[in-house]
Amino acid sequence: MLTGKQRAYLRGLANNYETILIVGKGEITDNILMQADTALTARELIKCKRLETSAYTARECADILSEKVGADVVQVIGNKFVLYRQNPDEPVIVLPKAKKQ
């Protein structure tokens, strides 16, 4: 689970990222899940887009993909959303530390 500070940090990083995953019409297929999983392993942070012809809203796409590939939803704005999953073997992004409670 991401803290607000970590989420804000990731949103800032995602501003410069290109959209690499597009969800079109129809269901979220195994191919889309495989692409998302591979991209998250390599990059940790990906920007995705939902086409107008999709049966899902951007929030639904983000929630379904994040649940299936074990990622966190960073943000959803309009038809775009950002997903994050830390690579356990070779982390690329270093998140700010969470405050101790």
N, C-alpha and C. Protein backbone atom coordinates (compact mmCIF):
# COMPACT_ATOMS: atom_id res chain seq x y z
N MET A 1 0.84 -1.19 0.00
CA MET A 1 0.00 0.00 0.00
C MET A 1 0.88 1.24 0.00
N LEU A 2 0.56 2.17 -0.84
CA LEU A 2 1.34 3.39 -0.97
C LEU A 2 0.81 4.48 -0.04
N THR A 3 1.72 5.28 0.50
CA THR A 3 1.32 6.44 1.29
C THR A 3 1.03 7.60 0.34
N GLY A 4 0.46 8.66 0.85
CA GLY A 4 0.16 9.84 0.03
C GLY A 4 1.42 10.46 -0.54
N LYS A 5 2.49 10.49 0.27
CA LYS A 5 3.75 11.07 -0.18
C LYS A 5 4.36 10.23 -1.30
N GLN A 6 4.30 8.93 -1.16
CA GLN A 6 4.83 8.03 -2.19
C GLN A 6 4.01 8.15 -3.47
N ARG A 7 2.69 8.23 -3.32
CA ARG A 7 1.81 8.37 -4.48
C ARG A 7 2.10 9.68 -5.22
N ALA A 8 2.30 10.76 -4.47
CA ALA A 8 2.62 12.06 -5.08
C ALA A 8 3.95 12.01 -5.81
N TYR A 9 4.93 11.33 -5.23
CA TYR A 9 6.23 11.17 -5.87
C TYR A 9 6.10 10.42 -7.19
N LEU A 10 5.33 9.34 -7.19
CA LEU A 10 5.13 8.54 -8.40
C LEU A 10 4.34 9.30 -9.46
N ARG A 11 3.36 10.11 -9.03
CA ARG A 11 2.62 10.94 -9.99
C ARG A 11 3.56 11.91 -10.70
N GLY A 12 4.49 12.49 -9.95
CA GLY A 12 5.46 13.40 -10.53
C GLY A 12 6.35 12.70 -11.56
N LEU A 13 6.78 11.49 -11.25
CA LEU A 13 7.59 10.73 -12.20
C LEU A 13 6.79 10.37 -13.45
N ALA A 14 5.53 10.03 -13.27
CA ALA A 14 4.69 9.58 -14.39
C ALA A 14 4.38 10.70 -15.39
N ASN A 15 4.53 11.95 -14.97
CA ASN A 15 4.26 13.07 -15.89
C ASN A 15 5.09 12.97 -17.16
N ASN A 16 6.33 12.50 -17.04
CA ASN A 16 7.23 12.44 -18.19
C ASN A 16 7.16 11.12 -18.94
N TYR A 17 6.35 10.19 -18.49
CA TYR A 17 6.26 8.88 -19.12
C TYR A 17 5.28 8.91 -20.30
N GLU A 18 5.57 8.09 -21.29
CA GLU A 18 4.67 7.91 -22.42
C GLU A 18 3.67 6.79 -22.10
N THR A 19 2.51 6.85 -22.71
CA THR A 19 1.52 5.79 -22.55
C THR A 19 2.01 4.56 -23.30
N ILE A 20 2.11 3.43 -22.59
CA ILE A 20 2.63 2.22 -23.24
C ILE A 20 1.61 1.08 -23.30
N LEU A 21 0.49 1.22 -22.61
CA LEU A 21 -0.53 0.17 -22.63
C LEU A 21 -1.88 0.80 -22.91
N ILE A 22 -2.59 0.25 -23.91
CA ILE A 22 -3.89 0.79 -24.30
C ILE A 22 -4.93 -0.31 -24.18
N VAL A 23 -6.01 0.00 -23.46
CA VAL A 23 -7.12 -0.94 -23.31
C VAL A 23 -8.22 -0.50 -24.27
N GLY A 24 -8.51 -1.34 -25.24
CA GLY A 24 -9.51 -1.02 -26.26
C GLY A 24 -10.85 -1.65 -25.96
N LYS A 25 -11.62 -1.85 -27.03
CA LYS A 25 -12.95 -2.42 -26.85
C LYS A 25 -12.84 -3.89 -26.46
N GLY A 26 -13.87 -4.38 -25.85
CA GLY A 26 -13.86 -5.78 -25.41
C GLY A 26 -13.32 -5.93 -24.00
N GLU A 27 -13.08 -7.15 -23.64
CA GLU A 27 -12.61 -7.49 -22.30
C GLU A 27 -11.12 -7.19 -22.15
N ILE A 28 -10.66 -7.23 -20.91
CA ILE A 28 -9.24 -7.16 -20.63
C ILE A 28 -8.71 -8.58 -20.78
N THR A 29 -7.96 -8.80 -21.85
CA THR A 29 -7.56 -10.14 -22.24
C THR A 29 -6.27 -10.57 -21.53
N ASP A 30 -5.93 -11.84 -21.69
CA ASP A 30 -4.68 -12.36 -21.13
C ASP A 30 -3.48 -11.67 -21.77
N ASN A 31 -3.60 -11.27 -23.03
CA ASN A 31 -2.51 -10.58 -23.70
C ASN A 31 -2.24 -9.23 -23.04
N ILE A 32 -3.28 -8.49 -22.72
CA ILE A 32 -3.13 -7.20 -22.05
C ILE A 32 -2.51 -7.40 -20.67
N LEU A 33 -2.96 -8.43 -19.95
CA LEU A 33 -2.40 -8.73 -18.63
C LEU A 33 -0.93 -9.08 -18.73
N MET A 34 -0.55 -9.86 -19.75
CA MET A 34 0.84 -10.23 -19.93
C MET A 34 1.70 -9.00 -20.25
N GLN A 35 1.19 -8.11 -21.09
CA GLN A 35 1.91 -6.89 -21.43
C GLN A 35 2.11 -6.01 -20.20
N ALA A 36 1.06 -5.87 -19.40
CA ALA A 36 1.14 -5.06 -18.18
C ALA A 36 2.14 -5.66 -17.20
N ASP A 37 2.10 -6.98 -17.02
CA ASP A 37 3.01 -7.66 -16.10
C ASP A 37 4.46 -7.49 -16.54
N THR A 38 4.72 -7.68 -17.83
CA THR A 38 6.07 -7.54 -18.36
C THR A 38 6.58 -6.10 -18.22
N ALA A 39 5.73 -5.14 -18.54
CA ALA A 39 6.13 -3.73 -18.45
C ALA A 39 6.38 -3.32 -17.01
N LEU A 40 5.56 -3.79 -16.08
CA LEU A 40 5.76 -3.45 -14.67
C LEU A 40 7.04 -4.06 -14.12
N THR A 41 7.37 -5.26 -14.57
CA THR A 41 8.61 -5.89 -14.13
C THR A 41 9.81 -5.10 -14.62
N ALA A 42 9.76 -4.63 -15.85
CA ALA A 42 10.88 -3.89 -16.43
C ALA A 42 10.97 -2.45 -15.94
N ARG A 43 9.81 -1.77 -15.84
CA ARG A 43 9.82 -0.33 -15.57
C ARG A 43 9.33 0.06 -14.18
N GLU A 44 8.52 -0.76 -13.56
CA GLU A 44 7.89 -0.53 -12.26
C GLU A 44 6.74 0.48 -12.31
N LEU A 45 6.79 1.45 -13.19
CA LEU A 45 5.76 2.47 -13.29
C LEU A 45 5.34 2.58 -14.74
N ILE A 46 4.04 2.39 -15.01
CA ILE A 46 3.56 2.48 -16.39
C ILE A 46 2.32 3.37 -16.47
N LYS A 47 2.21 4.04 -17.60
CA LYS A 47 1.04 4.87 -17.88
C LYS A 47 0.19 4.14 -18.91
N CYS A 48 -1.09 4.06 -18.64
CA CYS A 48 -2.01 3.32 -19.51
C CYS A 48 -3.15 4.24 -19.95
N LYS A 49 -3.81 3.84 -21.04
CA LYS A 49 -4.92 4.62 -21.57
C LYS A 49 -6.08 3.70 -21.88
N ARG A 50 -7.27 4.20 -21.65
CA ARG A 50 -8.50 3.48 -21.97
C ARG A 50 -9.13 4.20 -23.16
N LEU A 51 -9.42 3.44 -24.21
CA LEU A 51 -10.07 4.03 -25.39
C LEU A 51 -11.56 4.24 -25.12
N GLU A 52 -12.14 5.17 -25.83
CA GLU A 52 -13.57 5.47 -25.67
C GLU A 52 -14.46 4.27 -25.96
N THR A 53 -13.98 3.35 -26.80
CA THR A 53 -14.79 2.19 -27.17
C THR A 53 -14.75 1.07 -26.13
N SER A 54 -13.95 1.24 -25.10
CA SER A 54 -13.82 0.21 -24.06
C SER A 54 -15.12 0.08 -23.27
N ALA A 55 -15.39 -1.13 -22.82
CA ALA A 55 -16.59 -1.39 -22.03
C ALA A 55 -16.42 -0.94 -20.59
N TYR A 56 -15.18 -0.63 -20.19
CA TYR A 56 -14.89 -0.25 -18.81
C TYR A 56 -14.57 1.24 -18.71
N THR A 57 -14.74 1.79 -17.51
CA THR A 57 -14.25 3.13 -17.24
C THR A 57 -12.76 3.02 -16.95
N ALA A 58 -12.07 4.16 -16.91
CA ALA A 58 -10.64 4.14 -16.62
C ALA A 58 -10.39 3.59 -15.21
N ARG A 59 -11.23 3.93 -14.26
CA ARG A 59 -11.09 3.44 -12.88
C ARG A 59 -11.25 1.92 -12.85
N GLU A 60 -12.25 1.40 -13.57
CA GLU A 60 -12.46 -0.06 -13.61
C GLU A 60 -11.27 -0.77 -14.24
N CYS A 61 -10.74 -0.20 -15.34
CA CYS A 61 -9.56 -0.79 -15.97
C CYS A 61 -8.39 -0.82 -15.00
N ALA A 62 -8.16 0.29 -14.33
CA ALA A 62 -7.04 0.38 -13.38
C ALA A 62 -7.21 -0.63 -12.25
N ASP A 63 -8.41 -0.74 -11.71
CA ASP A 63 -8.66 -1.67 -10.61
C ASP A 63 -8.50 -3.12 -11.04
N ILE A 64 -9.01 -3.47 -12.20
CA ILE A 64 -8.92 -4.85 -12.70
C ILE A 64 -7.46 -5.21 -12.97
N LEU A 65 -6.76 -4.34 -13.69
CA LEU A 65 -5.36 -4.62 -14.00
C LEU A 65 -4.50 -4.70 -12.74
N SER A 66 -4.71 -3.77 -11.82
CA SER A 66 -3.89 -3.77 -10.61
C SER A 66 -4.13 -5.03 -9.78
N GLU A 67 -5.36 -5.47 -9.72
CA GLU A 67 -5.68 -6.69 -8.97
C GLU A 67 -5.05 -7.92 -9.61
N LYS A 68 -5.13 -8.01 -10.94
CA LYS A 68 -4.64 -9.21 -11.64
C LYS A 68 -3.12 -9.30 -11.67
N VAL A 69 -2.41 -8.15 -11.73
CA VAL A 69 -0.95 -8.19 -11.82
C VAL A 69 -0.26 -7.82 -10.51
N GLY A 70 -1.03 -7.55 -9.47
CA GLY A 70 -0.45 -7.24 -8.16
C GLY A 70 0.21 -5.88 -8.09
N ALA A 71 -0.41 -4.88 -8.69
CA ALA A 71 0.15 -3.53 -8.72
C ALA A 71 -0.71 -2.59 -7.88
N ASP A 72 -0.20 -1.37 -7.68
CA ASP A 72 -0.96 -0.31 -7.00
C ASP A 72 -1.40 0.71 -8.03
N VAL A 73 -2.61 1.22 -7.89
CA VAL A 73 -3.09 2.31 -8.74
C VAL A 73 -2.54 3.61 -8.16
N VAL A 74 -1.78 4.34 -8.96
CA VAL A 74 -1.19 5.60 -8.51
C VAL A 74 -2.18 6.74 -8.72
N GLN A 75 -2.76 6.80 -9.92
CA GLN A 75 -3.74 7.86 -10.20
C GLN A 75 -4.59 7.47 -11.40
N VAL A 76 -5.77 8.07 -11.46
CA VAL A 76 -6.66 7.93 -12.61
C VAL A 76 -7.14 9.33 -12.96
N ILE A 77 -6.83 9.77 -14.18
CA ILE A 77 -7.28 11.08 -14.64
C ILE A 77 -7.86 10.90 -16.03
N GLY A 78 -9.13 11.23 -16.19
CA GLY A 78 -9.78 11.10 -17.49
C GLY A 78 -9.73 9.67 -17.97
N ASN A 79 -9.14 9.45 -19.13
CA ASN A 79 -9.02 8.11 -19.70
C ASN A 79 -7.65 7.48 -19.46
N LYS A 80 -6.82 8.14 -18.68
CA LYS A 80 -5.48 7.62 -18.42
C LYS A 80 -5.34 7.22 -16.96
N PHE A 81 -4.49 6.22 -16.73
CA PHE A 81 -4.21 5.80 -15.36
C PHE A 81 -2.77 5.30 -15.27
N VAL A 82 -2.25 5.33 -14.05
CA VAL A 82 -0.86 4.97 -13.80
C VAL A 82 -0.82 3.83 -12.78
N LEU A 83 -0.01 2.81 -13.08
CA LEU A 83 0.15 1.66 -12.19
C LEU A 83 1.60 1.56 -11.74
N TYR A 84 1.80 1.06 -10.51
CA TYR A 84 3.14 0.87 -9.96
C TYR A 84 3.23 -0.48 -9.27
N ARG A 85 4.34 -1.17 -9.54
CA ARG A 85 4.66 -2.41 -8.82
C ARG A 85 6.18 -2.49 -8.72
N GLN A 86 6.67 -2.57 -7.49
CA GLN A 86 8.11 -2.62 -7.28
C GLN A 86 8.68 -3.95 -7.74
N ASN A 87 9.81 -3.90 -8.42
CA ASN A 87 10.51 -5.11 -8.83
C ASN A 87 11.29 -5.62 -7.64
N PRO A 88 10.99 -6.82 -7.13
CA PRO A 88 11.66 -7.30 -5.92
C PRO A 88 13.14 -7.62 -6.13
N ASP A 89 13.53 -7.95 -7.35
CA ASP A 89 14.92 -8.33 -7.62
C ASP A 89 15.82 -7.13 -7.89
N GLU A 90 15.39 -6.24 -8.76
CA GLU A 90 16.19 -5.07 -9.14
C GLU A 90 15.32 -3.81 -9.13
N PRO A 91 15.08 -3.20 -7.96
CA PRO A 91 14.25 -2.00 -7.92
C PRO A 91 14.87 -0.86 -8.71
N VAL A 92 14.05 -0.19 -9.50
CA VAL A 92 14.50 0.94 -10.31
C VAL A 92 14.15 2.26 -9.61
N ILE A 93 12.97 2.31 -9.03
CA ILE A 93 12.47 3.53 -8.38
C ILE A 93 12.62 3.38 -6.87
N VAL A 94 13.22 4.39 -6.25
CA VAL A 94 13.35 4.41 -4.78
C VAL A 94 12.28 5.35 -4.24
N LEU A 95 11.34 4.79 -3.49
CA LEU A 95 10.23 5.58 -2.94
C LEU A 95 10.67 6.30 -1.67
N PRO A 96 10.06 7.48 -1.40
CA PRO A 96 10.30 8.13 -0.11
C PRO A 96 9.83 7.21 1.02
N LYS A 97 10.50 7.28 2.14
CA LYS A 97 10.15 6.43 3.28
C LYS A 97 8.83 6.87 3.89
N ALA A 98 8.07 5.88 4.37
CA ALA A 98 6.82 6.17 5.06
C ALA A 98 7.14 6.60 6.49
N LYS A 99 6.35 7.50 7.03
CA LYS A 99 6.55 7.96 8.41
C LYS A 99 6.18 6.84 9.38
N LYS A 100 6.94 6.74 10.46
CA LYS A 100 6.62 5.76 11.49
C LYS A 100 5.47 6.26 12.33
N GLN A 101 4.60 5.36 12.71
CA GLN A 101 3.45 5.78 13.51
C GLN A 101 3.56 5.32 14.92
